[in-house]
């Protein structure tokens, strides 16, 4: 999974690698569903949200504590 910024709005645009070189963008509802399933990970120095599937970790991004 990767995130790009929308050049017009700066909003994140999540995408998944489907197969060799083919990326699929996630719709906003799908991304929000993933966010509800995410777990907080605490690597040294930062907190991130991540989703696990079939033993693989997919980071969703850093948690911005200043927004709380």
PDB file of N, CA and C in Angstrom:
ATOM      1  N   UNK A   1       0.848  -1.159   0.000  1.00  0.00           N
ATOM      2  CA  UNK A   1       0.000   0.000   0.000  1.00  0.00           C
ATOM      3  C   UNK A   1       0.899   1.230   0.000  1.00  0.00           C
ATOM      4  N   UNK A   2       0.458   2.226  -0.743  1.00  0.00           N
ATOM      5  CA  UNK A   2       1.195   3.468  -0.790  1.00  0.00           C
ATOM      6  C   UNK A   2       0.215   4.629  -0.765  1.00  0.00           C
ATOM      7  N   UNK A   3       0.708   5.796  -0.434  1.00  0.00           N
ATOM      8  CA  UNK A   3      -0.112   6.995  -0.403  1.00  0.00           C
ATOM      9  C   UNK A   3       0.552   8.078  -1.223  1.00  0.00           C
ATOM     10  N   UNK A   4      -0.221   8.686  -2.094  1.00  0.00           N
ATOM     11  CA  UNK A   4       0.219   9.853  -2.831  1.00  0.00           C
ATOM     12  C   UNK A   4      -0.657  11.011  -2.375  1.00  0.00           C
ATOM     13  N   UNK A   5      -0.200  12.227  -2.612  1.00  0.00           N
ATOM     14  CA  UNK A   5      -1.018  13.390  -2.300  1.00  0.00           C
ATOM     15  C   UNK A   5      -1.698  13.889  -3.558  1.00  0.00           C
ATOM     16  N   UNK A   6      -2.966  14.205  -3.421  1.00  0.00           N
ATOM     17  CA  UNK A   6      -3.703  14.806  -4.533  1.00  0.00           C
ATOM     18  C   UNK A   6      -3.118  16.189  -4.781  1.00  0.00           C
ATOM     19  N   UNK A   7      -2.637  16.470  -6.000  1.00  0.00           N
ATOM     20  CA  UNK A   7      -2.002  17.767  -6.264  1.00  0.00           C
ATOM     21  C   UNK A   7      -2.948  18.948  -6.034  1.00  0.00           C
ATOM     22  N   UNK A   8      -4.239  18.757  -6.235  1.00  0.00           N
ATOM     23  CA  UNK A   8      -5.184  19.868  -6.097  1.00  0.00           C
ATOM     24  C   UNK A   8      -5.542  20.149  -4.644  1.00  0.00           C
ATOM     25  N   UNK A   9      -5.747  19.086  -3.861  1.00  0.00           N
ATOM     26  CA  UNK A   9      -6.239  19.264  -2.491  1.00  0.00           C
ATOM     27  C   UNK A   9      -5.226  18.908  -1.412  1.00  0.00           C
ATOM     28  N   UNK A  10      -4.213  18.131  -1.764  1.00  0.00           N
ATOM     29  CA  UNK A  10      -3.252  17.664  -0.775  1.00  0.00           C
ATOM     30  C   UNK A  10      -3.745  16.469   0.016  1.00  0.00           C
ATOM     31  N   UNK A  11      -4.960  15.998  -0.262  1.00  0.00           N
ATOM     32  CA  UNK A  11      -5.522  14.846   0.451  1.00  0.00           C
ATOM     33  C   UNK A  11      -4.788  13.568   0.055  1.00  0.00           C
ATOM     34  N   UNK A  12      -4.644  12.633   0.987  1.00  0.00           N
ATOM     35  CA  UNK A  12      -3.965  11.380   0.643  1.00  0.00           C
ATOM     36  C   UNK A  12      -4.801  10.536  -0.317  1.00  0.00           C
ATOM     37  N   UNK A  13      -4.106   9.884  -1.256  1.00  0.00           N
ATOM     38  CA  UNK A  13      -4.763   8.970  -2.201  1.00  0.00           C
ATOM     39  C   UNK A  13      -4.122   7.597  -2.046  1.00  0.00           C
ATOM     40  N   UNK A  14      -4.767   6.689  -1.289  1.00  0.00           N
ATOM     41  CA  UNK A  14      -4.188   5.364  -1.071  1.00  0.00           C
ATOM     42  C   UNK A  14      -4.319   4.479  -2.312  1.00  0.00           C
ATOM     43  N   UNK A  15      -3.308   3.630  -2.512  1.00  0.00           N
ATOM     44  CA  UNK A  15      -3.322   2.681  -3.632  1.00  0.00           C
ATOM     45  C   UNK A  15      -2.669   1.380  -3.182  1.00  0.00           C
ATOM     46  N   UNK A  16      -3.115   0.275  -3.780  1.00  0.00           N
ATOM     47  CA  UNK A  16      -2.579  -1.055  -3.492  1.00  0.00           C
ATOM     48  C   UNK A  16      -1.945  -1.625  -4.743  1.00  0.00           C
ATOM     49  N   UNK A  17      -0.828  -2.322  -4.564  1.00  0.00           N
ATOM     50  CA  UNK A  17      -0.213  -3.042  -5.669  1.00  0.00           C
ATOM     51  C   UNK A  17      -1.004  -4.327  -5.876  1.00  0.00           C
ATOM     52  N   UNK A  18      -1.650  -4.450  -7.038  1.00  0.00           N
ATOM     53  CA  UNK A  18      -2.482  -5.614  -7.327  1.00  0.00           C
ATOM     54  C   UNK A  18      -1.629  -6.751  -7.869  1.00  0.00           C
ATOM     55  N   UNK A  19      -0.799  -6.445  -8.833  1.00  0.00           N
ATOM     56  CA  UNK A  19       0.176  -7.395  -9.361  1.00  0.00           C
ATOM     57  C   UNK A  19       1.252  -6.596 -10.057  1.00  0.00           C
ATOM     58  N   UNK A  20       2.196  -7.254 -10.664  1.00  0.00           N
ATOM     59  CA  UNK A  20       3.374  -6.602 -11.229  1.00  0.00           C
ATOM     60  C   UNK A  20       3.058  -5.278 -11.935  1.00  0.00           C
ATOM     61  N   UNK A  21       3.369  -4.175 -11.271  1.00  0.00           N
ATOM     62  CA  UNK A  21       3.235  -2.864 -11.873  1.00  0.00           C
ATOM     63  C   UNK A  21       1.822  -2.317 -11.994  1.00  0.00           C
ATOM     64  N   UNK A  22       0.817  -3.046 -11.526  1.00  0.00           N
ATOM     65  CA  UNK A  22      -0.567  -2.588 -11.624  1.00  0.00           C
ATOM     66  C   UNK A  22      -1.039  -2.126 -10.245  1.00  0.00           C
ATOM     67  N   UNK A  23      -1.345  -0.834 -10.142  1.00  0.00           N
ATOM     68  CA  UNK A  23      -1.791  -0.248  -8.891  1.00  0.00           C
ATOM     69  C   UNK A  23      -3.283   0.052  -8.976  1.00  0.00           C
ATOM     70  N   UNK A  24      -4.001  -0.145  -7.886  1.00  0.00           N
ATOM     71  CA  UNK A  24      -5.426   0.163  -7.803  1.00  0.00           C
ATOM     72  C   UNK A  24      -5.645   1.169  -6.685  1.00  0.00           C
ATOM     73  N   UNK A  25      -6.325   2.259  -7.002  1.00  0.00           N
ATOM     74  CA  UNK A  25      -6.635   3.254  -5.978  1.00  0.00           C
ATOM     75  C   UNK A  25      -7.828   2.781  -5.161  1.00  0.00           C
ATOM     76  N   UNK A  26      -7.777   3.033  -3.860  1.00  0.00           N
ATOM     77  CA  UNK A  26      -8.871   2.679  -2.967  1.00  0.00           C
ATOM     78  C   UNK A  26      -9.870   3.822  -2.901  1.00  0.00           C
ATOM     79  N   UNK A  27     -11.137   3.477  -2.882  1.00  0.00           N
ATOM     80  CA  UNK A  27     -12.155   4.505  -2.700  1.00  0.00           C
ATOM     81  C   UNK A  27     -12.130   4.955  -1.233  1.00  0.00           C
ATOM     82  N   UNK A  28     -12.666   6.120  -0.983  1.00  0.00           N
ATOM     83  CA  UNK A  28     -12.672   6.663   0.381  1.00  0.00           C
ATOM     84  C   UNK A  28     -13.382   5.728   1.361  1.00  0.00           C
ATOM     85  N   UNK A  29     -14.576   5.172   1.034  1.00  0.00           N
ATOM     86  CA  UNK A  29     -15.227   4.261   1.990  1.00  0.00           C
ATOM     87  C   UNK A  29     -14.379   3.033   2.318  1.00  0.00           C
ATOM     88  N   UNK A  30     -13.676   2.481   1.338  1.00  0.00           N
ATOM     89  CA  UNK A  30     -12.818   1.314   1.583  1.00  0.00           C
ATOM     90  C   UNK A  30     -11.670   1.702   2.496  1.00  0.00           C
ATOM     91  N   UNK A  31     -11.063   2.861   2.255  1.00  0.00           N
ATOM     92  CA  UNK A  31      -9.967   3.310   3.108  1.00  0.00           C
ATOM     93  C   UNK A  31     -10.455   3.533   4.536  1.00  0.00           C
ATOM     94  N   UNK A  32     -11.636   4.137   4.704  1.00  0.00           N
ATOM     95  CA  UNK A  32     -12.166   4.357   6.046  1.00  0.00           C
ATOM     96  C   UNK A  32     -12.460   3.029   6.749  1.00  0.00           C
ATOM     97  N   UNK A  33     -12.916   2.038   6.009  1.00  0.00           N
ATOM     98  CA  UNK A  33     -13.134   0.722   6.603  1.00  0.00           C
ATOM     99  C   UNK A  33     -11.816   0.116   7.088  1.00  0.00           C
ATOM    100  N   UNK A  34     -10.765   0.248   6.274  1.00  0.00           N
ATOM    101  CA  UNK A  34      -9.443  -0.220   6.705  1.00  0.00           C
ATOM    102  C   UNK A  34      -8.996   0.509   7.966  1.00  0.00           C
ATOM    103  N   UNK A  35      -9.246   1.802   8.015  1.00  0.00           N
ATOM    104  CA  UNK A  35      -8.838   2.587   9.182  1.00  0.00           C
ATOM    105  C   UNK A  35      -9.543   2.106  10.447  1.00  0.00           C
ATOM    106  N   UNK A  36     -10.797   1.659  10.334  1.00  0.00           N
ATOM    107  CA  UNK A  36     -11.496   1.158  11.525  1.00  0.00           C
ATOM    108  C   UNK A  36     -10.922  -0.180  11.986  1.00  0.00           C
ATOM    109  N   UNK A  37     -10.292  -0.922  11.079  1.00  0.00           N
ATOM    110  CA  UNK A  37      -9.690  -2.215  11.421  1.00  0.00           C
ATOM    111  C   UNK A  37      -8.235  -2.089  11.863  1.00  0.00           C
ATOM    112  N   UNK A  38      -7.673  -0.912  11.721  1.00  0.00           N
ATOM    113  CA  UNK A  38      -6.245  -0.712  11.970  1.00  0.00           C
ATOM    114  C   UNK A  38      -5.910  -0.833  13.453  1.00  0.00           C
ATOM    115  N   UNK A  39      -4.688  -1.259  13.692  1.00  0.00           N
ATOM    116  CA  UNK A  39      -4.133  -1.354  15.037  1.00  0.00           C
ATOM    117  C   UNK A  39      -3.013  -0.341  15.170  1.00  0.00           C
ATOM    118  N   UNK A  40      -2.814   0.157  16.384  1.00  0.00           N
ATOM    119  CA  UNK A  40      -1.724   1.096  16.622  1.00  0.00           C
ATOM    120  C   UNK A  40      -0.436   0.324  16.890  1.00  0.00           C
ATOM    121  N   UNK A  41       0.612   0.686  16.169  1.00  0.00           N
ATOM    122  CA  UNK A  41       1.935   0.101  16.386  1.00  0.00           C
ATOM    123  C   UNK A  41       2.820   1.180  16.993  1.00  0.00           C
ATOM    124  N   UNK A  42       3.722   0.769  17.826  1.00  0.00           N
ATOM    125  CA  UNK A  42       4.575   1.732  18.512  1.00  0.00           C
ATOM    126  C   UNK A  42       6.050   1.480  18.215  1.00  0.00           C
ATOM    127  N   UNK A  43       6.497   1.721  16.984  1.00  0.00           N
ATOM    128  CA  UNK A  43       7.923   1.601  16.728  1.00  0.00           C
ATOM    129  C   UNK A  43       8.650   2.734  17.445  1.00  0.00           C
ATOM    130  N   UNK A  44       9.936   2.597  17.697  1.00  0.00           N
ATOM    131  CA  UNK A  44      10.663   3.639  18.408  1.00  0.00           C
ATOM    132  C   UNK A  44      10.526   5.009  17.737  1.00  0.00           C
ATOM    133  N   UNK A  45      10.027   5.983  18.502  1.00  0.00           N
ATOM    134  CA  UNK A  45       9.988   7.349  18.016  1.00  0.00           C
ATOM    135  C   UNK A  45       8.709   7.790  17.329  1.00  0.00           C
ATOM    136  N   UNK A  46       7.808   6.878  16.973  1.00  0.00           N
ATOM    137  CA  UNK A  46       6.569   7.289  16.326  1.00  0.00           C
ATOM    138  C   UNK A  46       5.476   6.249  16.503  1.00  0.00           C
ATOM    139  N   UNK A  47       4.241   6.691  16.411  1.00  0.00           N
ATOM    140  CA  UNK A  47       3.086   5.793  16.443  1.00  0.00           C
ATOM    141  C   UNK A  47       2.493   5.737  15.043  1.00  0.00           C
ATOM    142  N   UNK A  48       2.159   4.539  14.598  1.00  0.00           N
ATOM    143  CA  UNK A  48       1.561   4.376  13.275  1.00  0.00           C
ATOM    144  C   UNK A  48       0.342   3.475  13.369  1.00  0.00           C
ATOM    145  N   UNK A  49      -0.525   3.579  12.375  1.00  0.00           N
ATOM    146  CA  UNK A  49      -1.641   2.654  12.233  1.00  0.00           C
ATOM    147  C   UNK A  49      -1.262   1.628  11.185  1.00  0.00           C
ATOM    148  N   UNK A  50      -1.637   0.377  11.437  1.00  0.00           N
ATOM    149  CA  UNK A  50      -1.322  -0.680  10.489  1.00  0.00           C
ATOM    150  C   UNK A  50      -2.423  -1.721  10.465  1.00  0.00           C
ATOM    151  N   UNK A  51      -2.527  -2.384   9.326  1.00  0.00           N
ATOM    152  CA  UNK A  51      -3.477  -3.474   9.128  1.00  0.00           C
ATOM    153  C   UNK A  51      -2.656  -4.715   8.808  1.00  0.00           C
ATOM    154  N   UNK A  52      -3.075  -5.849   9.359  1.00  0.00           N
ATOM    155  CA  UNK A  52      -2.393  -7.113   9.100  1.00  0.00           C
ATOM    156  C   UNK A  52      -3.301  -8.033   8.305  1.00  0.00           C
ATOM    157  N   UNK A  53      -2.724  -8.735   7.332  1.00  0.00           N
ATOM    158  CA  UNK A  53      -3.473  -9.711   6.555  1.00  0.00           C
ATOM    159  C   UNK A  53      -2.537 -10.820   6.126  1.00  0.00           C
ATOM    160  N   UNK A  54      -2.928 -12.062   6.395  1.00  0.00           N
ATOM    161  CA  UNK A  54      -2.142 -13.243   6.021  1.00  0.00           C
ATOM    162  C   UNK A  54      -0.688 -13.117   6.472  1.00  0.00           C
ATOM    163  N   UNK A  55      -0.489 -12.562   7.668  1.00  0.00           N
ATOM    164  CA  UNK A  55       0.851 -12.439   8.220  1.00  0.00           C
ATOM    165  C   UNK A  55       1.670 -11.285   7.666  1.00  0.00           C
ATOM    166  N   UNK A  56       1.068 -10.445   6.826  1.00  0.00           N
ATOM    167  CA  UNK A  56       1.779  -9.305   6.254  1.00  0.00           C
ATOM    168  C   UNK A  56       1.261  -8.012   6.875  1.00  0.00           C
ATOM    169  N   UNK A  57       2.192  -7.102   7.148  1.00  0.00           N
ATOM    170  CA  UNK A  57       1.867  -5.812   7.761  1.00  0.00           C
ATOM    171  C   UNK A  57       1.723  -4.756   6.671  1.00  0.00           C
ATOM    172  N   UNK A  58       0.647  -3.959   6.758  1.00  0.00           N
ATOM    173  CA  UNK A  58       0.409  -2.873   5.815  1.00  0.00           C
ATOM    174  C   UNK A  58       0.252  -1.577   6.601  1.00  0.00           C
ATOM    175  N   UNK A  59       1.285  -0.733   6.631  1.00  0.00           N
ATOM    176  CA  UNK A  59       1.172   0.522   7.380  1.00  0.00           C
ATOM    177  C   UNK A  59       0.234   1.495   6.668  1.00  0.00           C
ATOM    178  N   UNK A  60      -0.639   2.146   7.450  1.00  0.00           N
ATOM    179  CA  UNK A  60      -1.557   3.135   6.908  1.00  0.00           C
ATOM    180  C   UNK A  60      -1.026   4.557   7.066  1.00  0.00           C
ATOM    181  N   UNK A  61      -0.099   4.748   7.977  1.00  0.00           N
ATOM    182  CA  UNK A  61       0.482   6.075   8.149  1.00  0.00           C
ATOM    183  C   UNK A  61       0.665   6.421   9.621  1.00  0.00           C
ATOM    184  N   UNK A  62       1.337   7.531   9.828  1.00  0.00           N
ATOM    185  CA  UNK A  62       1.636   7.997  11.179  1.00  0.00           C
ATOM    186  C   UNK A  62       0.399   8.600  11.828  1.00  0.00           C
ATOM    187  N   UNK A  63       0.334   8.497  13.133  1.00  0.00           N
ATOM    188  CA  UNK A  63      -0.748   9.106  13.906  1.00  0.00           C
ATOM    189  C   UNK A  63      -0.309  10.510  14.271  1.00  0.00           C
ATOM    190  N   UNK A  64      -1.151  11.478  13.940  1.00  0.00           N
ATOM    191  CA  UNK A  64      -0.865  12.878  14.242  1.00  0.00           C
ATOM    192  C   UNK A  64      -1.515  13.213  15.587  1.00  0.00           C
ATOM    193  N   UNK A  65      -0.705  13.168  16.656  1.00  0.00           N
ATOM    194  CA  UNK A  65      -1.238  13.418  17.998  1.00  0.00           C
ATOM    195  C   UNK A  65      -1.700  14.856  18.188  1.00  0.00           C
ATOM    196  N   UNK A  66      -1.212  15.779  17.383  1.00  0.00           N
ATOM    197  CA  UNK A  66      -1.605  17.179  17.542  1.00  0.00           C
ATOM    198  C   UNK A  66      -3.037  17.414  17.087  1.00  0.00           C
ATOM    199  N   UNK A  67      -3.615  16.497  16.295  1.00  0.00           N
ATOM    200  CA  UNK A  67      -4.975  16.668  15.787  1.00  0.00           C
ATOM    201  C   UNK A  67      -6.025  16.239  16.809  1.00  0.00           C
ATOM    202  N   UNK A  68      -5.596  15.602  17.891  1.00  0.00           N
ATOM    203  CA  UNK A  68      -6.537  15.075  18.886  1.00  0.00           C
ATOM    204  C   UNK A  68      -6.897  16.139  19.879  1.00  0.00           C
TER     205      UNK A  68
END
